Amino acid sequence: MNSAITSCEHPNPSQRGDDGMLSAHNDGQGKKNSQPRSPRSSQLAYAILDTPPWYLCIFLGIQHFLTALGGLVAVPLILAKDLCLQHDPLTQSYLISTIFFVSGMCTLLQVFFGVRLPILQGGTFGFVAPSLAMLSLPDWRCPEWTLNASQVNISSPEFTEEWQKRIRELQGVIMVASCVQMLVGFSGLIGFLMRFIGPLTIAPTISLVALPLFDSAGNDAGVHWGISAMTIFLIVLFSQYLKNIAVPVPIYGRKKCHTSKFYLFQVFPVLLGLCIAWFLCFVFTVTNIFPSAPTAYGYLARTDTKGNVLSQAPWFRFPYPGQWGLPTVSLAGVFGIIAGVISSMVESVGDYYACARLVGAPPPPKHAINRGIGIEGLGCLLAGAWGTGNGTTSYSENVGALGITRVGSRMVIVAAGCVLLLMGVFGKIGAVFATIPTPVIGGLYLVMFGVISAVGISNLQYADMNSSRNIFVFGFSIYCGLAIPNWVNKNPDKLQTGILQLDQVLQVLLTTGMFVGGFLGFLLDNTIPAS
C-alpha cells in the first residue's frame, strides 16, 4: 500500500513487443533452471525460476531499491517530529539506515521461506497512523524545548533519553503486535478472516491510512510552496505524461554492444523528481536565492541547513537489535498497532496474487499465503527488535515494476535484498537522504498520500456501487474515520472512564482513522442484509 506511482497500474508486458527493456535477452542465453512456461510466463524475459546473468541481477536489484526508495525514506521522516527528532537529522539518518537493513533481511526471508514470490519488503504506512496516535498521548508528547532548534543539544544525555524512550515504546508494541500477525499467518487464520473482509472494509481502511496525514504533508509542503509545487510537477510529469516515452540505453550482449529501450520515466518517476528538485534547491542555496535567516519563509528549503549530517555520519554503521535500549510495552500502543497489522495483512494478500499473475506463476495456494503472512509477522518482529519505529510489508510499487521490466526472477529480488542490506550498513547513504529539503519531502507526501488514498478507494470497483446499501456503508465509514478522530483529538478529556489503561486504549483506537473506518465498514458490511 506504499508510495510508488508505478503501483497504480500493472502494464501488460506483451504490449511492448521488442521495445521492452530487456528484449536483448529473450533468446534464453544465460538462463538457468528453465521450466516449462505458461502463456503468461512466455511473455517474460525471465520467469520466476530463471537466473539472469549476475550483472543483470545487480542492475535490476538496484532498480528495485530505487523504486522503493520513496516509501522507505518517508516513514522515518514522518515519525521524526513525534519522536522529538525534528532537529536531529543525524539520528534520522540512523533510522533510515536501519529501515534499509531490516527491509533487506525481511526481503530475503520472504523470498526464501515465505510466499516465495519475487516481492520486496519494506516499511509500512499502515503502522504510521497508530504510531502517531500513541505518541500523541499526554505521556509521550514531546517537551516544548525539543521543538526549538536553539535549545536542542543532540549530544546531551537528556535529549537522547527523550527520543530513545519513545522509540523503545514503539519497538515494544510492534514486537507484541507482530506476534498476532505470526499467529494469524502460521495458524491459517488469515484464510478464515478474509471471508469476512470485503472491499467495503478494505476501501476505507486503506484510504484512511493516508487521508489523516494531510496535515503533516501540508505543513512540510508549506515551508516553500514553490519548491513543493515544482516537485509535484516533476513527479506527475514523469509518472503520467512521459511514462510511455522509451529512452535508448546501451546494452552489451551476444558479444556486441547495441541499444535497447528503457522506460525510465515509468520506472523512476519519484526518484527523478526528487533528484531534480533537490539539485535546484542546491543551486538556489549556493546563489543565495533562498533566505539565510532561520526565521525567514523558505529557509528550510536550503540544502545547507542539515549539511553537517554528512560529515558527522560514520562511513560504516552496523544496525543491531536493541540499539536504542530495552523495548517497553503499553497496552494502548499494542491495540493500535494491531489495527495496522490487519490493514497490512489484507493488502499483502492482494499483492501476492498480483505478483503471481505478473510473473506467470499460478495463484498462490493457501499454505503459501499463510507462510507469507507469518514471515511478514516475523519481519515486523525483527523491525521492532532493530528499532526502525515501524514494521514491514509487501511493496506494491515493486510488484508493478515486475510488469514494466518483464523480469520475474526471484534472484533479482534476492539481489535487491542484498542491496538494501549494504545500503543499511553504509552510514553516509542514510545521511544523504536525511538532508533532503523539507519542501521537497512535502511535495512527495502530497503525491504519495493522494495515490494511497485512491488505491484504497479503487477497491470499490469490486463492489456494486449502484446499491444504496454499499454507498451508505462506505460513505458512513470513511466520514466517521475522519470525524471521530478529529473530535477525540480536540476533546481528550471527555474520554475518562476512571481506568487509565482503558482511557489510553480508547484514545489510541479512536484517534486512528483507519481503525474507526475499517471497523465500521467491517461491522456494517457483515450485518446489514444485502439488497
Protein backbone atom coordinates (compact mmCIF):
# COMPACT_ATOMS: atom_id res chain seq x y z
CA MET A 1 0.00 0.00 0.00
CA ASN A 2 3.01 2.15 -0.25
CA SER A 3 4.25 5.11 -2.10
CA ALA A 4 5.23 4.40 -5.62
CA ILE A 5 3.45 5.88 -8.55
CA THR A 6 4.31 2.79 -10.58
CA SER A 7 1.98 0.70 -8.46
CA CYS A 8 -1.10 2.41 -9.80
CA GLU A 9 -1.16 0.28 -12.89
CA HIS A 10 0.27 -3.04 -13.97
CA PRO A 11 1.15 -2.70 -17.63
CA ASN A 12 0.82 -5.72 -19.84
CA PRO A 13 4.35 -6.57 -20.94
CA SER A 14 3.09 -8.22 -24.11
CA GLN A 15 2.10 -4.83 -25.41
CA ARG A 16 5.71 -3.72 -25.55
CA GLY A 17 6.94 -6.31 -28.01
CA ASP A 18 10.62 -5.76 -28.75
CA ASP A 19 10.53 -2.38 -27.05
CA GLY A 20 10.82 -4.00 -23.64
CA MET A 21 13.78 -3.06 -21.57
CA LEU A 22 15.35 -6.48 -21.73
CA SER A 23 14.41 -7.62 -25.18
CA ALA A 24 18.02 -8.49 -25.93
CA HIS A 25 17.82 -11.41 -23.53
CA ASN A 26 14.74 -13.12 -24.88
CA ASP A 27 16.82 -15.75 -26.66
CA GLY A 28 17.27 -17.52 -23.34
CA GLN A 29 21.05 -17.23 -23.17
CA GLY A 30 22.40 -17.22 -19.66
CA LYS A 31 19.24 -18.71 -18.10
CA LYS A 32 19.32 -21.49 -15.58
CA ASN A 33 16.66 -23.70 -14.05
CA SER A 34 14.43 -23.16 -17.10
CA GLN A 35 10.98 -24.66 -16.62
CA PRO A 36 8.05 -25.31 -18.96
CA ARG A 37 6.37 -21.96 -19.32
CA SER A 38 2.78 -20.85 -19.01
CA PRO A 39 1.38 -18.49 -21.66
CA ARG A 40 1.87 -15.62 -19.23
CA SER A 41 5.47 -16.52 -18.33
CA SER A 42 6.40 -16.90 -22.00
CA GLN A 43 5.89 -13.12 -22.29
CA LEU A 44 8.61 -12.52 -19.68
CA ALA A 45 12.29 -12.00 -20.32
CA TYR A 46 13.00 -14.12 -17.22
CA ALA A 47 10.44 -16.23 -15.38
CA ILE A 48 10.27 -16.81 -11.64
CA LEU A 49 12.73 -19.75 -11.57
CA ASP A 50 15.16 -18.34 -14.15
CA THR A 51 18.50 -16.90 -13.11
CA PRO A 52 19.59 -13.89 -15.18
CA PRO A 53 23.31 -13.09 -15.56
CA TRP A 54 24.87 -11.79 -12.35
CA TYR A 55 25.40 -8.27 -13.68
CA LEU A 56 21.74 -8.06 -14.70
CA CYS A 57 20.65 -9.25 -11.26
CA ILE A 58 22.71 -6.49 -9.64
CA PHE A 59 21.40 -3.81 -12.00
CA LEU A 60 17.76 -4.83 -11.58
CA GLY A 61 18.24 -5.25 -7.82
CA ILE A 62 19.43 -1.64 -7.60
CA GLN A 63 16.44 -0.66 -9.72
CA HIS A 64 14.04 -2.28 -7.24
CA PHE A 65 15.81 -0.50 -4.37
CA LEU A 66 15.39 2.85 -6.12
CA THR A 67 11.73 2.08 -6.91
CA ALA A 68 11.00 1.51 -3.21
CA LEU A 69 13.13 4.42 -2.05
CA GLY A 70 10.33 6.95 -1.64
CA GLY A 71 8.34 4.79 0.78
CA LEU A 72 11.40 3.58 2.68
CA VAL A 73 12.68 7.10 3.38
CA ALA A 74 9.27 8.67 4.02
CA VAL A 75 8.32 6.55 7.05
CA PRO A 76 11.14 7.59 9.44
CA LEU A 77 10.89 11.21 8.27
CA ILE A 78 7.16 11.28 9.10
CA LEU A 79 7.79 9.81 12.56
CA ALA A 80 10.73 12.13 13.31
CA LYS A 81 8.70 15.05 14.68
CA ASP A 82 6.66 12.95 17.13
CA LEU A 83 9.85 11.14 18.22
CA CYS A 84 11.30 14.60 19.13
CA LEU A 85 13.86 14.23 16.31
CA GLN A 86 12.72 17.21 14.26
CA HIS A 87 16.08 18.93 14.79
CA ASP A 88 18.30 15.84 14.86
CA PRO A 89 18.94 14.79 11.24
CA LEU A 90 21.84 12.57 12.29
CA THR A 91 19.53 10.24 14.24
CA GLN A 92 17.05 10.43 11.38
CA SER A 93 19.82 9.09 9.13
CA TYR A 94 20.36 6.20 11.58
CA LEU A 95 16.66 5.33 11.38
CA ILE A 96 16.78 5.42 7.57
CA SER A 97 19.82 3.12 7.52
CA THR A 98 18.13 0.76 9.97
CA ILE A 99 14.95 0.51 7.89
CA PHE A 100 17.10 -0.22 4.81
CA PHE A 101 18.90 -3.01 6.65
CA VAL A 102 15.78 -4.61 8.13
CA SER A 103 13.94 -4.39 4.80
CA GLY A 104 16.80 -6.30 3.19
CA MET A 105 16.64 -9.05 5.81
CA CYS A 106 12.86 -9.36 5.54
CA THR A 107 13.00 -9.45 1.73
CA LEU A 108 15.41 -12.39 1.81
CA LEU A 109 13.26 -14.20 4.39
CA GLN A 110 10.11 -13.70 2.29
CA VAL A 111 11.72 -14.90 -0.95
CA PHE A 112 13.37 -17.99 0.54
CA PHE A 113 10.95 -19.03 3.29
CA GLY A 114 7.71 -17.05 2.91
CA VAL A 115 5.40 -16.87 -0.07
CA ARG A 116 8.50 -17.45 -2.27
CA LEU A 117 7.46 -14.91 -4.89
CA PRO A 118 9.70 -12.06 -6.13
CA ILE A 119 8.23 -9.49 -3.77
CA LEU A 120 10.11 -6.78 -1.87
CA GLN A 121 9.54 -5.98 1.81
CA GLY A 122 9.76 -2.51 3.34
CA GLY A 123 8.30 -0.08 5.86
CA THR A 124 4.52 0.15 6.08
CA PHE A 125 2.31 3.25 6.25
CA GLY A 126 -0.27 1.07 7.99
CA PHE A 127 1.70 1.45 11.22
CA VAL A 128 2.22 5.21 10.91
CA ALA A 129 -1.26 6.37 11.97
CA PRO A 130 -1.47 4.23 15.16
CA SER A 131 2.14 5.13 16.00
CA LEU A 132 1.36 8.84 15.75
CA ALA A 133 -1.83 8.30 17.79
CA MET A 134 0.17 6.60 20.54
CA LEU A 135 2.85 9.32 20.53
CA SER A 136 0.14 11.98 20.85
CA LEU A 137 -0.88 10.69 24.29
CA PRO A 138 -0.02 13.14 27.09
CA ASP A 139 2.74 10.88 28.41
CA TRP A 140 4.53 10.81 25.03
CA ARG A 141 4.13 14.34 23.72
CA CYS A 142 7.48 15.99 23.07
CA PRO A 143 8.52 18.71 25.54
CA GLU A 144 8.39 22.23 24.15
CA TRP A 145 12.16 22.66 24.31
CA THR A 146 12.72 19.78 21.86
CA LEU A 147 10.76 21.73 19.22
CA ASN A 148 13.14 24.70 19.44
CA ALA A 149 16.33 24.16 17.45
CA SER A 150 18.26 26.67 19.57
CA GLN A 151 17.57 24.69 22.76
CA VAL A 152 18.36 21.23 21.37
CA ASN A 153 21.77 19.72 22.05
CA ILE A 154 21.65 16.42 20.19
CA SER A 155 24.63 15.04 22.09
CA SER A 156 23.16 15.69 25.56
CA PRO A 157 22.02 12.64 27.60
CA GLU A 158 18.73 14.40 28.40
CA PHE A 159 17.81 14.81 24.72
CA THR A 160 18.98 11.30 23.86
CA GLU A 161 16.74 9.82 26.54
CA GLU A 162 13.75 11.87 25.32
CA TRP A 163 13.72 10.34 21.83
CA GLN A 164 15.03 6.90 22.80
CA LYS A 165 12.27 6.22 25.33
CA ARG A 166 9.69 6.95 22.64
CA ILE A 167 11.22 4.68 20.05
CA ARG A 168 11.69 1.95 22.68
CA GLU A 169 7.95 2.13 23.32
CA LEU A 170 7.28 1.79 19.59
CA GLN A 171 9.66 -1.16 19.45
CA GLY A 172 7.84 -2.99 22.21
CA VAL A 173 4.31 -2.54 20.90
CA ILE A 174 5.37 -3.51 17.35
CA MET A 175 7.05 -6.69 18.63
CA VAL A 176 3.95 -7.73 20.58
CA ALA A 177 1.57 -6.91 17.72
CA SER A 178 3.80 -8.83 15.28
CA CYS A 179 3.16 -11.98 17.32
CA VAL A 180 -0.53 -11.61 16.45
CA GLN A 181 0.38 -11.46 12.76
CA MET A 182 2.59 -14.56 13.04
CA LEU A 183 -0.23 -16.39 14.82
CA VAL A 184 -2.77 -15.44 12.13
CA GLY A 185 -0.37 -16.43 9.36
CA PHE A 186 1.15 -19.67 10.59
CA SER A 187 -2.15 -20.95 12.03
CA GLY A 188 -4.01 -20.41 8.74
CA LEU A 189 -6.50 -17.96 10.29
CA ILE A 190 -5.90 -15.45 7.50
CA GLY A 191 -7.98 -17.56 5.09
CA PHE A 192 -10.88 -17.63 7.54
CA LEU A 193 -10.71 -13.88 8.23
CA MET A 194 -10.59 -12.95 4.54
CA ARG A 195 -14.06 -14.47 4.12
CA PHE A 196 -15.46 -11.56 6.17
CA ILE A 197 -13.24 -8.78 4.83
CA GLY A 198 -14.58 -7.39 1.58
CA PRO A 199 -13.97 -4.26 -0.49
CA LEU A 200 -16.27 -2.20 1.76
CA THR A 201 -13.88 -2.91 4.64
CA ILE A 202 -10.66 -2.63 2.64
CA ALA A 203 -11.51 0.66 0.88
CA PRO A 204 -11.99 2.87 3.98
CA THR A 205 -9.16 1.13 5.84
CA ILE A 206 -6.51 1.78 3.18
CA SER A 207 -7.79 5.24 2.27
CA LEU A 208 -7.68 6.32 5.91
CA VAL A 209 -4.05 5.26 6.16
CA ALA A 210 -3.15 8.35 4.13
CA LEU A 211 -6.05 10.83 4.42
CA PRO A 212 -5.34 11.85 8.05
CA LEU A 213 -1.73 12.68 7.11
CA PHE A 214 -2.81 15.73 5.12
CA ASP A 215 -1.74 17.99 7.99
CA SER A 216 1.82 16.65 8.00
CA ALA A 217 2.06 16.82 4.21
CA GLY A 218 0.66 20.35 4.10
CA ASN A 219 2.99 21.64 6.81
CA ASP A 220 6.10 20.28 5.08
CA ALA A 221 4.99 21.48 1.66
CA GLY A 222 4.13 24.89 3.12
CA VAL A 223 7.74 25.51 4.09
CA HIS A 224 8.16 26.64 0.47
CA TRP A 225 5.18 26.10 -1.80
CA GLY A 226 7.17 26.94 -4.90
CA ILE A 227 9.62 24.07 -4.37
CA SER A 228 6.82 21.71 -3.34
CA ALA A 229 4.81 22.58 -6.46
CA MET A 230 7.87 22.01 -8.63
CA THR A 231 8.46 18.59 -7.03
CA ILE A 232 4.82 17.65 -7.62
CA PHE A 233 5.00 18.88 -11.21
CA LEU A 234 8.11 16.79 -11.93
CA ILE A 235 6.70 13.60 -10.39
CA VAL A 236 3.39 14.00 -12.24
CA LEU A 237 5.21 14.83 -15.49
CA PHE A 238 7.36 11.71 -15.33
CA SER A 239 4.76 9.28 -13.98
CA GLN A 240 1.77 10.35 -16.08
CA TYR A 241 2.79 12.31 -19.17
CA LEU A 242 6.15 10.77 -20.07
CA LYS A 243 5.58 7.22 -18.83
CA ASN A 244 5.34 5.75 -22.34
CA ILE A 245 8.48 7.51 -23.63
CA ALA A 246 11.29 4.98 -24.07
CA VAL A 247 14.88 6.09 -23.58
CA PRO A 248 17.55 4.23 -25.60
CA VAL A 249 20.25 2.68 -23.41
CA PRO A 250 23.37 0.76 -24.46
CA ILE A 251 23.36 -2.97 -23.67
CA TYR A 252 26.15 -5.45 -24.16
CA GLY A 253 25.03 -8.88 -25.32
CA ARG A 254 25.90 -11.59 -27.79
CA LYS A 255 29.48 -10.26 -27.79
CA LYS A 256 28.46 -6.88 -29.17
CA CYS A 257 27.03 -3.61 -27.91
CA HIS A 258 23.65 -2.36 -29.08
CA THR A 259 20.80 -0.26 -27.72
CA SER A 260 17.51 -1.23 -26.15
CA LYS A 261 14.58 0.84 -24.99
CA PHE A 262 14.15 1.58 -21.30
CA TYR A 263 11.01 3.18 -19.85
CA LEU A 264 12.99 5.38 -17.49
CA PHE A 265 10.21 7.79 -16.56
CA GLN A 266 7.76 4.99 -15.79
CA VAL A 267 10.19 3.12 -13.56
CA PHE A 268 11.78 6.03 -11.63
CA PRO A 269 9.31 8.96 -11.57
CA VAL A 270 9.68 9.63 -7.84
CA LEU A 271 13.47 9.32 -7.82
CA LEU A 272 13.90 11.61 -10.84
CA GLY A 273 11.53 14.21 -9.41
CA LEU A 274 13.26 14.21 -6.03
CA CYS A 275 16.76 14.45 -7.51
CA ILE A 276 15.95 17.34 -9.86
CA ALA A 277 14.10 19.31 -7.17
CA TRP A 278 16.90 18.59 -4.70
CA PHE A 279 19.51 19.82 -7.19
CA LEU A 280 17.58 23.03 -7.87
CA CYS A 281 17.38 23.64 -4.10
CA PHE A 282 21.17 23.26 -4.02
CA VAL A 283 21.56 25.81 -6.85
CA PHE A 284 19.19 28.26 -5.13
CA THR A 285 21.13 27.82 -1.88
CA VAL A 286 24.55 28.44 -3.45
CA THR A 287 23.26 31.52 -5.27
CA ASN A 288 21.54 32.77 -2.07
CA ILE A 289 18.12 32.94 -3.71
CA PHE A 290 16.75 31.26 -0.59
CA PRO A 291 16.88 33.42 2.56
CA SER A 292 19.72 32.82 5.02
CA ALA A 293 17.82 34.00 8.12
CA PRO A 294 16.47 30.96 10.07
CA THR A 295 13.16 32.71 10.78
CA ALA A 296 12.51 33.71 7.15
CA TYR A 297 9.95 31.94 4.97
CA GLY A 298 11.66 29.36 2.78
CA TYR A 299 14.79 28.96 4.90
CA LEU A 300 14.21 25.21 5.34
CA ALA A 301 14.34 24.78 1.57
CA ARG A 302 18.09 25.43 1.76
CA THR A 303 20.33 22.37 1.39
CA ASP A 304 22.89 23.59 3.94
CA THR A 305 20.54 23.58 6.95
CA LYS A 306 21.42 19.91 7.55
CA GLY A 307 24.80 19.93 5.83
CA ASN A 308 26.77 18.84 8.88
CA VAL A 309 24.97 15.48 8.91
CA LEU A 310 27.13 14.15 6.08
CA SER A 311 30.34 14.96 7.93
CA GLN A 312 29.07 13.61 11.25
CA ALA A 313 27.65 10.32 9.95
CA PRO A 314 30.07 7.37 10.04
CA TRP A 315 31.06 5.66 6.81
CA PHE A 316 30.03 2.28 8.23
CA ARG A 317 27.45 1.62 10.91
CA PHE A 318 26.05 -1.83 11.59
CA PRO A 319 22.46 -1.73 12.95
CA TYR A 320 21.81 -4.27 15.69
CA PRO A 321 18.88 -5.39 17.88
CA GLY A 322 18.29 -3.21 20.92
CA GLN A 323 20.48 -0.39 19.64
CA TRP A 324 18.20 2.15 21.36
CA GLY A 325 17.86 0.18 24.59
CA LEU A 326 15.42 -2.35 26.06
CA PRO A 327 11.93 -2.10 24.48
CA THR A 328 8.94 -1.18 26.63
CA VAL A 329 5.27 -2.00 26.07
CA SER A 330 1.93 -0.32 26.67
CA LEU A 331 -1.50 -1.87 26.13
CA ALA A 332 -2.80 1.16 24.21
CA GLY A 333 0.02 1.02 21.68
CA VAL A 334 -0.41 -2.72 21.11
CA PHE A 335 -4.09 -2.37 20.22
CA GLY A 336 -3.34 0.49 17.85
CA ILE A 337 -0.58 -1.37 16.01
CA ILE A 338 -2.79 -4.48 15.72
CA ALA A 339 -5.17 -2.32 13.65
CA GLY A 340 -2.21 -1.53 11.40
CA VAL A 341 -1.28 -5.23 11.24
CA ILE A 342 -4.76 -6.15 9.96
CA SER A 343 -4.57 -3.49 7.25
CA SER A 344 -1.10 -4.66 6.22
CA MET A 345 -2.18 -8.31 6.01
CA VAL A 346 -5.17 -7.55 3.79
CA GLU A 347 -3.05 -5.51 1.39
CA SER A 348 -0.27 -8.12 1.29
CA VAL A 349 -2.66 -10.90 0.27
CA GLY A 350 -3.69 -8.79 -2.70
CA ASP A 351 -0.02 -8.16 -3.55
CA TYR A 352 0.71 -11.91 -3.55
CA TYR A 353 -1.97 -12.58 -6.17
CA ALA A 354 -0.90 -9.60 -8.29
CA CYS A 355 2.74 -10.67 -8.13
CA ALA A 356 1.98 -14.27 -9.10
CA ARG A 357 -0.07 -13.08 -12.07
CA LEU A 358 2.67 -10.77 -13.33
CA VAL A 359 5.47 -13.35 -13.11
CA GLY A 360 3.48 -16.14 -14.76
CA ALA A 361 3.17 -18.24 -11.60
CA PRO A 362 -0.06 -20.00 -10.58
CA PRO A 363 -2.18 -18.27 -7.91
CA PRO A 364 -0.50 -18.79 -4.53
CA PRO A 365 -2.05 -21.68 -2.58
CA LYS A 366 -3.37 -21.19 0.93
CA HIS A 367 -0.28 -22.63 2.63
CA ALA A 368 1.96 -20.20 0.70
CA ILE A 369 -0.21 -17.24 1.73
CA ASN A 370 -0.12 -18.45 5.34
CA ARG A 371 3.68 -18.65 5.20
CA GLY A 372 3.91 -15.22 3.60
CA ILE A 373 1.78 -13.53 6.27
CA GLY A 374 3.64 -15.43 9.01
CA ILE A 375 7.02 -14.33 7.65
CA GLU A 376 5.76 -10.75 7.41
CA GLY A 377 4.90 -11.03 11.10
CA LEU A 378 8.42 -12.27 11.76
CA GLY A 379 9.70 -9.32 9.73
CA CYS A 380 7.72 -6.92 11.95
CA LEU A 381 9.22 -8.64 14.99
CA LEU A 382 12.71 -8.07 13.59
CA ALA A 383 11.87 -4.46 12.70
CA GLY A 384 10.75 -3.92 16.28
CA ALA A 385 13.87 -5.54 17.69
CA TRP A 386 16.18 -3.49 15.46
CA GLY A 387 14.26 -0.29 16.22
CA THR A 388 13.03 1.07 12.89
CA GLY A 389 9.97 2.56 14.60
CA ASN A 390 7.88 0.72 12.02
CA GLY A 391 7.05 -2.76 10.69
CA THR A 392 7.42 -4.34 7.26
CA THR A 393 5.01 -5.25 4.49
CA SER A 394 4.98 -6.18 0.81
CA TYR A 395 5.69 -3.28 -1.53
CA SER A 396 3.03 -2.79 -4.21
CA GLU A 397 5.23 -0.48 -6.27
CA ASN A 398 7.80 -3.20 -6.80
CA VAL A 399 5.07 -5.60 -7.88
CA GLY A 400 4.16 -3.05 -10.54
CA ALA A 401 7.82 -2.78 -11.57
CA LEU A 402 7.82 -6.50 -12.40
CA GLY A 403 5.31 -5.87 -15.17
CA ILE A 404 7.34 -2.97 -16.53
CA THR A 405 10.73 -4.74 -16.65
CA ARG A 406 9.31 -8.15 -17.71
CA VAL A 407 11.72 -9.82 -15.26
CA GLY A 408 10.01 -12.06 -12.71
CA SER A 409 13.08 -13.88 -11.42
CA ARG A 410 13.34 -14.40 -7.67
CA MET A 411 17.11 -13.90 -7.90
CA VAL A 412 16.59 -10.27 -8.86
CA ILE A 413 14.66 -9.65 -5.62
CA VAL A 414 17.38 -11.53 -3.73
CA ALA A 415 19.85 -9.07 -5.26
CA ALA A 416 17.56 -6.20 -4.19
CA GLY A 417 17.55 -7.56 -0.63
CA CYS A 418 21.35 -7.65 -0.63
CA VAL A 419 21.46 -4.07 -1.95
CA LEU A 420 19.18 -2.98 0.91
CA LEU A 421 21.47 -4.70 3.42
CA LEU A 422 24.51 -2.91 2.01
CA MET A 423 22.75 0.47 1.94
CA GLY A 424 21.83 -0.04 5.59
CA VAL A 425 25.45 -0.61 6.57
CA PHE A 426 26.83 2.47 4.74
CA GLY A 427 26.05 5.26 7.20
CA LYS A 428 26.65 8.03 4.67
CA ILE A 429 23.80 6.72 2.48
CA GLY A 430 21.20 7.26 5.20
CA ALA A 431 22.73 10.67 5.94
CA VAL A 432 22.30 11.75 2.32
CA PHE A 433 18.56 11.04 2.41
CA ALA A 434 18.19 12.76 5.79
CA THR A 435 19.34 16.01 4.16
CA ILE A 436 16.50 16.19 1.59
CA PRO A 437 14.97 19.69 1.93
CA THR A 438 11.68 19.76 3.80
CA PRO A 439 9.50 21.20 0.97
CA VAL A 440 10.78 18.53 -1.45
CA ILE A 441 9.61 15.88 1.02
CA GLY A 442 6.32 17.76 1.40
CA GLY A 443 5.72 17.66 -2.35
CA LEU A 444 6.45 13.93 -2.35
CA TYR A 445 3.99 13.41 0.50
CA LEU A 446 1.17 15.17 -1.34
CA VAL A 447 1.54 12.89 -4.36
CA MET A 448 2.25 9.75 -2.35
CA PHE A 449 -0.62 10.07 0.10
CA GLY A 450 -3.02 11.02 -2.67
CA VAL A 451 -2.12 7.84 -4.55
CA ILE A 452 -2.51 5.66 -1.44
CA SER A 453 -5.95 7.17 -0.77
CA ALA A 454 -7.00 6.50 -4.35
CA VAL A 455 -5.69 2.93 -4.23
CA GLY A 456 -7.94 2.33 -1.24
CA ILE A 457 -10.98 3.78 -2.96
CA SER A 458 -10.23 1.76 -6.12
CA ASN A 459 -11.21 -1.39 -4.22
CA LEU A 460 -14.81 -0.27 -4.63
CA GLN A 461 -14.66 -1.49 -8.23
CA TYR A 462 -15.26 -4.95 -6.76
CA ALA A 463 -18.48 -3.82 -5.03
CA ASP A 464 -21.78 -2.85 -6.59
CA MET A 465 -21.79 0.91 -6.08
CA ASN A 466 -25.25 1.17 -7.63
CA SER A 467 -26.50 -0.31 -4.35
CA SER A 468 -27.69 2.23 -1.78
CA ARG A 469 -26.56 -0.19 0.94
CA ASN A 470 -22.95 -0.18 -0.28
CA ILE A 471 -22.93 3.59 -0.78
CA PHE A 472 -24.11 4.05 2.79
CA VAL A 473 -21.56 1.61 4.28
CA PHE A 474 -18.60 3.21 2.52
CA GLY A 475 -19.67 6.83 2.93
CA PHE A 476 -20.53 6.48 6.61
CA SER A 477 -17.36 4.51 7.39
CA ILE A 478 -14.91 6.88 5.75
CA TYR A 479 -16.61 10.02 7.08
CA CYS A 480 -16.62 8.69 10.65
CA GLY A 481 -12.98 7.71 10.14
CA LEU A 482 -12.24 11.41 9.67
CA ALA A 483 -14.74 13.00 12.06
CA ILE A 484 -14.35 10.83 15.19
CA PRO A 485 -10.51 11.04 15.43
CA ASN A 486 -10.73 14.80 14.88
CA TRP A 487 -13.20 15.19 17.75
CA VAL A 488 -11.26 12.92 20.13
CA ASN A 489 -8.02 14.80 19.43
CA LYS A 490 -9.73 18.07 20.34
CA ASN A 491 -11.54 16.65 23.41
CA PRO A 492 -9.23 14.08 25.02
CA ASP A 493 -10.57 14.92 28.48
CA LYS A 494 -14.02 13.61 27.52
CA LEU A 495 -12.73 10.00 27.47
CA GLN A 496 -12.44 9.46 31.21
CA THR A 497 -13.52 6.02 32.40
CA GLY A 498 -11.50 6.12 35.62
CA ILE A 499 -9.18 3.37 34.36
CA LEU A 500 -6.01 4.90 32.93
CA GLN A 501 -5.09 1.95 30.69
CA LEU A 502 -8.59 1.78 29.22
CA ASP A 503 -8.58 5.53 28.60
CA GLN A 504 -5.30 5.21 26.69
CA VAL A 505 -6.54 2.27 24.62
CA LEU A 506 -9.71 4.15 23.66
CA GLN A 507 -7.77 7.29 22.81
CA VAL A 508 -5.30 5.47 20.55
CA LEU A 509 -8.00 3.45 18.76
CA LEU A 510 -10.44 6.36 18.34
CA THR A 511 -7.74 8.69 17.03
CA THR A 512 -6.63 6.11 14.45
CA GLY A 513 -8.85 6.82 11.47
CA MET A 514 -8.06 3.56 9.68
CA PHE A 515 -9.31 1.60 12.71
CA VAL A 516 -12.52 3.62 13.06
CA GLY A 517 -13.37 3.49 9.36
CA GLY A 518 -12.26 -0.11 8.86
CA PHE A 519 -14.14 -1.36 11.92
CA LEU A 520 -17.37 0.38 10.92
CA GLY A 521 -17.04 -0.89 7.37
CA PHE A 522 -16.44 -4.44 8.63
CA LEU A 523 -19.34 -4.29 11.10
CA LEU A 524 -21.89 -2.81 8.70
CA ASP A 525 -20.88 -4.91 5.71
CA ASN A 526 -21.29 -8.12 7.69
CA THR A 527 -24.54 -7.20 9.46
CA ILE A 528 -26.64 -5.18 7.00
CA PRO A 529 -28.52 -7.59 4.70
CA ALA A 530 -27.51 -7.41 1.07
CA SER A 531 -30.12 -5.99 -1.28
